[in-house]
C-alpha atoms as a PDB file:
ATOM      1  CA  UNK A   1       1.991  18.946 -22.274  1.00  0.00           C
ATOM      2  CA  UNK A   2      -0.080  21.364 -20.207  1.00  0.00           C
ATOM      3  CA  UNK A   3      -2.401  23.595 -22.227  1.00  0.00           C
ATOM      4  CA  UNK A   4      -3.589  27.033 -21.190  1.00  0.00           C
ATOM      5  CA  UNK A   5      -7.269  27.943 -21.370  1.00  0.00           C
ATOM      6  CA  UNK A   6      -8.564  31.086 -23.115  1.00  0.00           C
ATOM      7  CA  UNK A   7      -7.589  33.268 -20.145  1.00  0.00           C
ATOM      8  CA  UNK A   8      -4.095  31.849 -19.895  1.00  0.00           C
ATOM      9  CA  UNK A   9      -4.632  29.638 -16.831  1.00  0.00           C
ATOM     10  CA  UNK A  10      -2.764  26.327 -16.766  1.00  0.00           C
ATOM     11  CA  UNK A  11      -3.641  23.508 -14.347  1.00  0.00           C
ATOM     12  CA  UNK A  12      -0.307  21.897 -13.499  1.00  0.00           C
ATOM     13  CA  UNK A  13       0.284  18.386 -12.141  1.00  0.00           C
ATOM     14  CA  UNK A  14      -3.321  17.281 -11.788  1.00  0.00           C
ATOM     15  CA  UNK A  15      -4.130  14.213  -9.694  1.00  0.00           C
ATOM     16  CA  UNK A  16      -7.376  12.578 -10.803  1.00  0.00           C
ATOM     17  CA  UNK A  17      -9.280  10.373  -8.354  1.00  0.00           C
ATOM     18  CA  UNK A  18     -12.493   8.624  -9.379  1.00  0.00           C
ATOM     19  CA  UNK A  19     -15.215   8.058  -6.761  1.00  0.00           C
ATOM     20  CA  UNK A  20     -18.197   6.021  -7.992  1.00  0.00           C
ATOM     21  CA  UNK A  21     -21.108   4.502  -6.061  1.00  0.00           C
ATOM     22  CA  UNK A  22     -22.316   1.397  -7.873  1.00  0.00           C
ATOM     23  CA  UNK A  23     -26.054   0.699  -7.992  1.00  0.00           C
ATOM     24  CA  UNK A  24     -27.942  -2.393  -6.816  1.00  0.00           C
ATOM     25  CA  UNK A  25     -24.935  -4.119  -5.253  1.00  0.00           C
ATOM     26  CA  UNK A  26     -26.733  -5.928  -2.416  1.00  0.00           C
ATOM     27  CA  UNK A  27     -26.846  -9.414  -3.961  1.00  0.00           C
ATOM     28  CA  UNK A  28     -23.358  -9.123  -5.438  1.00  0.00           C
ATOM     29  CA  UNK A  29     -21.882  -7.947  -2.128  1.00  0.00           C
ATOM     30  CA  UNK A  30     -23.518 -10.845  -0.281  1.00  0.00           C
ATOM     31  CA  UNK A  31     -21.988 -13.297  -2.747  1.00  0.00           C
ATOM     32  CA  UNK A  32     -18.603 -11.566  -2.496  1.00  0.00           C
ATOM     33  CA  UNK A  33     -18.709 -11.855   1.302  1.00  0.00           C
ATOM     34  CA  UNK A  34     -19.301 -15.592   1.033  1.00  0.00           C
ATOM     35  CA  UNK A  35     -16.442 -16.006  -1.428  1.00  0.00           C
ATOM     36  CA  UNK A  36     -14.031 -13.894   0.643  1.00  0.00           C
ATOM     37  CA  UNK A  37     -14.950 -15.775   3.838  1.00  0.00           C
ATOM     38  CA  UNK A  38     -13.969 -19.075   2.181  1.00  0.00           C
ATOM     39  CA  UNK A  39     -10.675 -17.594   1.014  1.00  0.00           C
ATOM     40  CA  UNK A  40     -10.007 -16.255   4.508  1.00  0.00           C
ATOM     41  CA  UNK A  41     -10.531 -19.698   6.023  1.00  0.00           C
ATOM     42  CA  UNK A  42      -8.078 -21.209   3.555  1.00  0.00           C
ATOM     43  CA  UNK A  43      -5.438 -18.484   3.959  1.00  0.00           C
ATOM     44  CA  UNK A  44      -5.162 -16.803   7.371  1.00  0.00           C
ATOM     45  CA  UNK A  45      -2.792 -14.064   6.179  1.00  0.00           C
ATOM     46  CA  UNK A  46      -4.897 -13.241   3.121  1.00  0.00           C
ATOM     47  CA  UNK A  47      -5.085  -9.502   3.851  1.00  0.00           C
ATOM     48  CA  UNK A  48      -1.348  -8.945   4.438  1.00  0.00           C
ATOM     49  CA  UNK A  49      -0.087 -11.473   1.875  1.00  0.00           C
ATOM     50  CA  UNK A  50      -1.799  -9.633  -0.942  1.00  0.00           C
ATOM     51  CA  UNK A  51       0.623 -10.681  -3.699  1.00  0.00           C
ATOM     52  CA  UNK A  52       0.215 -14.414  -3.066  1.00  0.00           C
ATOM     53  CA  UNK A  53      -2.806 -14.835  -5.306  1.00  0.00           C
ATOM     54  CA  UNK A  54      -4.889 -12.762  -7.680  1.00  0.00           C
ATOM     55  CA  UNK A  55      -8.487 -12.639  -6.459  1.00  0.00           C
ATOM     56  CA  UNK A  56      -9.675 -12.084 -10.034  1.00  0.00           C
ATOM     57  CA  UNK A  57      -8.414 -15.505 -11.060  1.00  0.00           C
ATOM     58  CA  UNK A  58     -11.443 -16.847  -9.172  1.00  0.00           C
ATOM     59  CA  UNK A  59     -14.307 -17.999 -11.398  1.00  0.00           C
ATOM     60  CA  UNK A  60     -16.934 -16.994  -8.833  1.00  0.00           C
ATOM     61  CA  UNK A  61     -19.638 -14.971 -10.675  1.00  0.00           C
ATOM     62  CA  UNK A  62     -19.575 -12.159  -8.106  1.00  0.00           C
ATOM     63  CA  UNK A  63     -15.801 -11.778  -8.469  1.00  0.00           C
ATOM     64  CA  UNK A  64     -16.122 -11.682 -12.244  1.00  0.00           C
ATOM     65  CA  UNK A  65     -18.921  -9.108 -11.936  1.00  0.00           C
ATOM     66  CA  UNK A  66     -16.629  -6.890  -9.884  1.00  0.00           C
ATOM     67  CA  UNK A  67     -13.827  -7.351 -12.417  1.00  0.00           C
ATOM     68  CA  UNK A  68     -16.171  -6.122 -15.176  1.00  0.00           C
ATOM     69  CA  UNK A  69     -17.135  -3.079 -13.072  1.00  0.00           C
ATOM     70  CA  UNK A  70     -13.473  -2.246 -12.485  1.00  0.00           C
ATOM     71  CA  UNK A  71     -12.578  -2.610 -16.165  1.00  0.00           C
ATOM     72  CA  UNK A  72     -15.432  -0.245 -17.082  1.00  0.00           C
ATOM     73  CA  UNK A  73     -14.199   2.244 -14.487  1.00  0.00           C
ATOM     74  CA  UNK A  74     -10.620   2.061 -15.775  1.00  0.00           C
ATOM     75  CA  UNK A  75     -11.901   2.692 -19.311  1.00  0.00           C
ATOM     76  CA  UNK A  76     -13.771   5.779 -18.089  1.00  0.00           C
ATOM     77  CA  UNK A  77     -10.667   6.962 -16.231  1.00  0.00           C
ATOM     78  CA  UNK A  78      -8.526   6.865 -19.378  1.00  0.00           C
ATOM     79  CA  UNK A  79     -11.259   8.723 -21.293  1.00  0.00           C
ATOM     80  CA  UNK A  80     -11.183  11.417 -18.616  1.00  0.00           C
ATOM     81  CA  UNK A  81      -7.430  11.771 -19.172  1.00  0.00           C
ATOM     82  CA  UNK A  82      -8.173  12.276 -22.901  1.00  0.00           C
ATOM     83  CA  UNK A  83      -5.798   9.480 -23.869  1.00  0.00           C
ATOM     84  CA  UNK A  84      -6.509   8.848 -27.546  1.00  0.00           C
ATOM     85  CA  UNK A  85      -4.800   5.478 -28.060  1.00  0.00           C
ATOM     86  CA  UNK A  86      -5.791   2.003 -26.883  1.00  0.00           C
ATOM     87  CA  UNK A  87      -4.253   0.776 -23.645  1.00  0.00           C
ATOM     88  CA  UNK A  88      -4.117  -2.836 -22.549  1.00  0.00           C
ATOM     89  CA  UNK A  89      -4.041  -3.683 -18.864  1.00  0.00           C
ATOM     90  CA  UNK A  90      -4.515  -6.471 -16.360  1.00  0.00           C
ATOM     91  CA  UNK A  91      -5.916  -6.322 -12.829  1.00  0.00           C
ATOM     92  CA  UNK A  92      -4.346  -7.886  -9.749  1.00  0.00           C
ATOM     93  CA  UNK A  93      -6.664  -7.905  -6.740  1.00  0.00           C
ATOM     94  CA  UNK A  94      -6.880  -9.076  -3.149  1.00  0.00           C
ATOM     95  CA  UNK A  95      -9.470  -9.090  -0.391  1.00  0.00           C
ATOM     96  CA  UNK A  96      -9.126  -7.182   2.875  1.00  0.00           C
ATOM     97  CA  UNK A  97     -10.866  -8.131   6.106  1.00  0.00           C
ATOM     98  CA  UNK A  98     -10.352  -5.437   8.738  1.00  0.00           C
ATOM     99  CA  UNK A  99     -11.449  -6.648  12.156  1.00  0.00           C
ATOM    100  CA  UNK A 100     -11.680  -4.507  15.292  1.00  0.00           C
ATOM    101  CA  UNK A 101      -8.604  -2.271  15.519  1.00  0.00           C
ATOM    102  CA  UNK A 102      -7.224  -3.194  12.087  1.00  0.00           C
ATOM    103  CA  UNK A 103      -5.828  -0.417   9.888  1.00  0.00           C
ATOM    104  CA  UNK A 104      -3.386   0.170   7.006  1.00  0.00           C
ATOM    105  CA  UNK A 105      -0.339   2.409   7.408  1.00  0.00           C
ATOM    106  CA  UNK A 106       0.578   5.205   4.991  1.00  0.00           C
ATOM    107  CA  UNK A 107       1.647   3.663   1.682  1.00  0.00           C
ATOM    108  CA  UNK A 108       1.363   3.752  -2.085  1.00  0.00           C
ATOM    109  CA  UNK A 109       1.416   0.980  -4.715  1.00  0.00           C
ATOM    110  CA  UNK A 110       4.695   0.762  -6.670  1.00  0.00           C
ATOM    111  CA  UNK A 111       4.995  -1.008 -10.035  1.00  0.00           C
ATOM    112  CA  UNK A 112       1.393  -0.295 -11.069  1.00  0.00           C
ATOM    113  CA  UNK A 113      -0.289   2.567 -12.920  1.00  0.00           C
ATOM    114  CA  UNK A 114      -3.623   2.820 -11.095  1.00  0.00           C
ATOM    115  CA  UNK A 115      -4.890   1.427  -7.812  1.00  0.00           C
ATOM    116  CA  UNK A 116      -8.324   1.152  -6.292  1.00  0.00           C
ATOM    117  CA  UNK A 117     -10.652  -0.288  -3.699  1.00  0.00           C
ATOM    118  CA  UNK A 118     -14.206  -1.609  -3.749  1.00  0.00           C
ATOM    119  CA  UNK A 119     -16.136  -1.697  -0.460  1.00  0.00           C
ATOM    120  CA  UNK A 120     -18.114  -4.879   0.124  1.00  0.00           C
ATOM    121  CA  UNK A 121     -19.149  -4.355   3.757  1.00  0.00           C
ATOM    122  CA  UNK A 122     -18.727  -1.210   5.861  1.00  0.00           C
ATOM    123  CA  UNK A 123     -19.725  -1.187   9.564  1.00  0.00           C
ATOM    124  CA  UNK A 124     -21.926   1.488  11.027  1.00  0.00           C
ATOM    125  CA  UNK A 125     -20.205   4.339  12.846  1.00  0.00           C
ATOM    126  CA  UNK A 126     -19.647   3.235  16.465  1.00  0.00           C
ATOM    127  CA  UNK A 127     -20.274   5.395  19.504  1.00  0.00           C
ATOM    128  CA  UNK A 128     -16.665   6.188  20.452  1.00  0.00           C
ATOM    129  CA  UNK A 129     -17.559   8.638  23.235  1.00  0.00           C
ATOM    130  CA  UNK A 130     -14.015   9.664  24.197  1.00  0.00           C
ATOM    131  CA  UNK A 131     -12.634  11.663  21.260  1.00  0.00           C
ATOM    132  CA  UNK A 132     -14.044  13.691  18.395  1.00  0.00           C
ATOM    133  CA  UNK A 133     -11.098  13.257  16.005  1.00  0.00           C
ATOM    134  CA  UNK A 134     -11.401   9.512  15.376  1.00  0.00           C
ATOM    135  CA  UNK A 135     -12.081   8.578  11.748  1.00  0.00           C
ATOM    136  CA  UNK A 136     -13.546   5.108  12.031  1.00  0.00           C
ATOM    137  CA  UNK A 137     -12.753   3.093   8.906  1.00  0.00           C
ATOM    138  CA  UNK A 138     -12.158   6.140   6.687  1.00  0.00           C
ATOM    139  CA  UNK A 139      -9.554   6.257   3.924  1.00  0.00           C
ATOM    140  CA  UNK A 140      -7.320   9.328   3.614  1.00  0.00           C
ATOM    141  CA  UNK A 141      -5.408  10.488   0.527  1.00  0.00           C
ATOM    142  CA  UNK A 142      -2.583  13.014   0.766  1.00  0.00           C
ATOM    143  CA  UNK A 143      -1.342  15.773  -1.537  1.00  0.00           C
ATOM    144  CA  UNK A 144       1.650  14.357  -3.440  1.00  0.00           C
ATOM    145  CA  UNK A 145       3.286  17.822  -3.511  1.00  0.00           C
ATOM    146  CA  UNK A 146       5.017  18.080  -0.108  1.00  0.00           C
ATOM    147  CA  UNK A 147       5.484  21.878  -0.234  1.00  0.00           C
ATOM    148  CA  UNK A 148       2.031  22.782  -1.544  1.00  0.00           C
ATOM    149  CA  UNK A 149       0.537  23.896   1.796  1.00  0.00           C
ATOM    150  CA  UNK A 150       3.458  26.015   3.055  1.00  0.00           C
ATOM    151  CA  UNK A 151       1.305  29.143   2.615  1.00  0.00           C
ATOM    152  CA  UNK A 152      -2.391  28.441   3.163  1.00  0.00           C
ATOM    153  CA  UNK A 153      -5.254  30.847   2.629  1.00  0.00           C
ATOM    154  CA  UNK A 154      -8.901  30.071   3.232  1.00  0.00           C
ATOM    155  CA  UNK A 155     -10.791  28.895   0.147  1.00  0.00           C
ATOM    156  CA  UNK A 156      -7.748  27.876  -1.896  1.00  0.00           C
ATOM    157  CA  UNK A 157      -8.528  24.338  -3.046  1.00  0.00           C
ATOM    158  CA  UNK A 158      -4.887  23.687  -3.872  1.00  0.00           C
ATOM    159  CA  UNK A 159      -3.636  23.589  -0.299  1.00  0.00           C
ATOM    160  CA  UNK A 160      -5.895  21.114   1.510  1.00  0.00           C
ATOM    161  CA  UNK A 161      -3.320  18.373   2.275  1.00  0.00           C
ATOM    162  CA  UNK A 162      -5.810  15.565   2.876  1.00  0.00           C
ATOM    163  CA  UNK A 163      -8.885  14.108   1.203  1.00  0.00           C
ATOM    164  CA  UNK A 164     -10.753  11.897   3.662  1.00  0.00           C
ATOM    165  CA  UNK A 165     -13.526   9.615   2.449  1.00  0.00           C
ATOM    166  CA  UNK A 166     -15.951   7.774   4.699  1.00  0.00           C
ATOM    167  CA  UNK A 167     -16.850   4.793   2.512  1.00  0.00           C
ATOM    168  CA  UNK A 168     -20.016   2.781   2.283  1.00  0.00           C
ATOM    169  CA  UNK A 169     -20.815  -0.567   0.711  1.00  0.00           C
ATOM    170  CA  UNK A 170     -20.854  -0.391  -3.077  1.00  0.00           C
ATOM    171  CA  UNK A 171     -18.309   2.434  -3.367  1.00  0.00           C
ATOM    172  CA  UNK A 172     -15.542   2.045  -5.951  1.00  0.00           C
ATOM    173  CA  UNK A 173     -12.444   4.259  -5.786  1.00  0.00           C
ATOM    174  CA  UNK A 174      -9.692   4.551  -8.396  1.00  0.00           C
ATOM    175  CA  UNK A 175      -6.540   6.671  -8.163  1.00  0.00           C
ATOM    176  CA  UNK A 176      -2.943   6.974  -9.488  1.00  0.00           C
ATOM    177  CA  UNK A 177      -0.793   4.381  -7.746  1.00  0.00           C
ATOM    178  CA  UNK A 178       1.777   6.963  -6.629  1.00  0.00           C
ATOM    179  CA  UNK A 179      -0.764   8.656  -4.356  1.00  0.00           C
ATOM    180  CA  UNK A 180      -0.056   8.048  -0.665  1.00  0.00           C
ATOM    181  CA  UNK A 181      -3.034   6.942   1.419  1.00  0.00           C
ATOM    182  CA  UNK A 182      -3.911   5.209   4.661  1.00  0.00           C
ATOM    183  CA  UNK A 183      -6.905   3.458   6.193  1.00  0.00           C
ATOM    184  CA  UNK A 184      -8.016   4.484   9.681  1.00  0.00           C
ATOM    185  CA  UNK A 185      -8.719   1.771  12.293  1.00  0.00           C
ATOM    186  CA  UNK A 186     -11.957  -0.150  12.286  1.00  0.00           C
ATOM    187  CA  UNK A 187     -13.544   0.647  15.660  1.00  0.00           C
ATOM    188  CA  UNK A 188     -16.493  -1.676  15.190  1.00  0.00           C
ATOM    189  CA  UNK A 189     -16.937  -5.321  16.161  1.00  0.00           C
ATOM    190  CA  UNK A 190     -18.295  -5.850  12.639  1.00  0.00           C
ATOM    191  CA  UNK A 191     -15.732  -6.636   9.952  1.00  0.00           C
ATOM    192  CA  UNK A 192     -14.899  -4.068   7.305  1.00  0.00           C
ATOM    193  CA  UNK A 193     -14.497  -5.952   4.016  1.00  0.00           C
ATOM    194  CA  UNK A 194     -13.087  -4.551   0.806  1.00  0.00           C
ATOM    195  CA  UNK A 195     -11.343  -5.615  -2.382  1.00  0.00           C
ATOM    196  CA  UNK A 196      -8.216  -3.705  -3.372  1.00  0.00           C
ATOM    197  CA  UNK A 197      -6.552  -3.920  -6.750  1.00  0.00           C
ATOM    198  CA  UNK A 198      -3.773  -2.656  -8.989  1.00  0.00           C
ATOM    199  CA  UNK A 199      -4.071  -1.866 -12.681  1.00  0.00           C
ATOM    200  CA  UNK A 200      -0.935  -3.096 -14.474  1.00  0.00           C
ATOM    201  CA  UNK A 201      -0.217  -1.866 -17.996  1.00  0.00           C
ATOM    202  CA  UNK A 202       0.658  -4.608 -20.498  1.00  0.00           C
ATOM    203  CA  UNK A 203       3.685  -3.915 -22.715  1.00  0.00           C
ATOM    204  CA  UNK A 204       4.257  -0.634 -20.884  1.00  0.00           C
ATOM    205  CA  UNK A 205       7.128   0.348 -23.204  1.00  0.00           C
ATOM    206  CA  UNK A 206       4.506   0.999 -25.904  1.00  0.00           C
ATOM    207  CA  UNK A 207       3.005   3.857 -23.858  1.00  0.00           C
ATOM    208  CA  UNK A 208       6.146   5.631 -22.644  1.00  0.00           C
ATOM    209  CA  UNK A 209       6.420   9.266 -23.799  1.00  0.00           C
ATOM    210  CA  UNK A 210       8.966  10.074 -26.478  1.00  0.00           C
ATOM    211  CA  UNK A 211      11.679  12.347 -25.091  1.00  0.00           C
ATOM    212  CA  UNK A 212      14.322  14.287 -26.920  1.00  0.00           C
ATOM    213  CA  UNK A 213      17.720  12.578 -26.838  1.00  0.00           C
END
């Protein structure tokens, strides 16, 4: 149910994205890089075969540290939504190694409630030289309302169709899984390393809204 404020305004169909820079991640990121490198050697298609194994089943301390950070962030997200009942969830995660030229096409994450990414290593911006519209390694999110920008006026925050974020190491993002997004190509010789994840609700039937029959 959407509630009006004292002046009668109602914010319809909000899409909440959480952007959080974690502190003092240097040692943890170094350990995560070592763990992910070993996994990459054992499984060449690790980045594309994301459903093959859950990264968070690893007992590596750095992986478990990241899992704790994600669980805390999910808890804060539900508080922001003002959900007043307890929700149980599990996290399925996978590592991404984007080498030179690697990117991710426009997509969303079906069968999950929330999705997110943690950035372990982000290359410096390269000197591209040829074009000014390249978005090296950025992630872009797109307005889920396809008709929202049919009439655009300057200053209206409702009609910007794209949110583009230039990540850095230690950044944690969390968003509704329905939200379409893409990752721009890595134009650096240095690998771009991240951990993506889905938040799956346990016993989801317990949380479904009651509708009139």
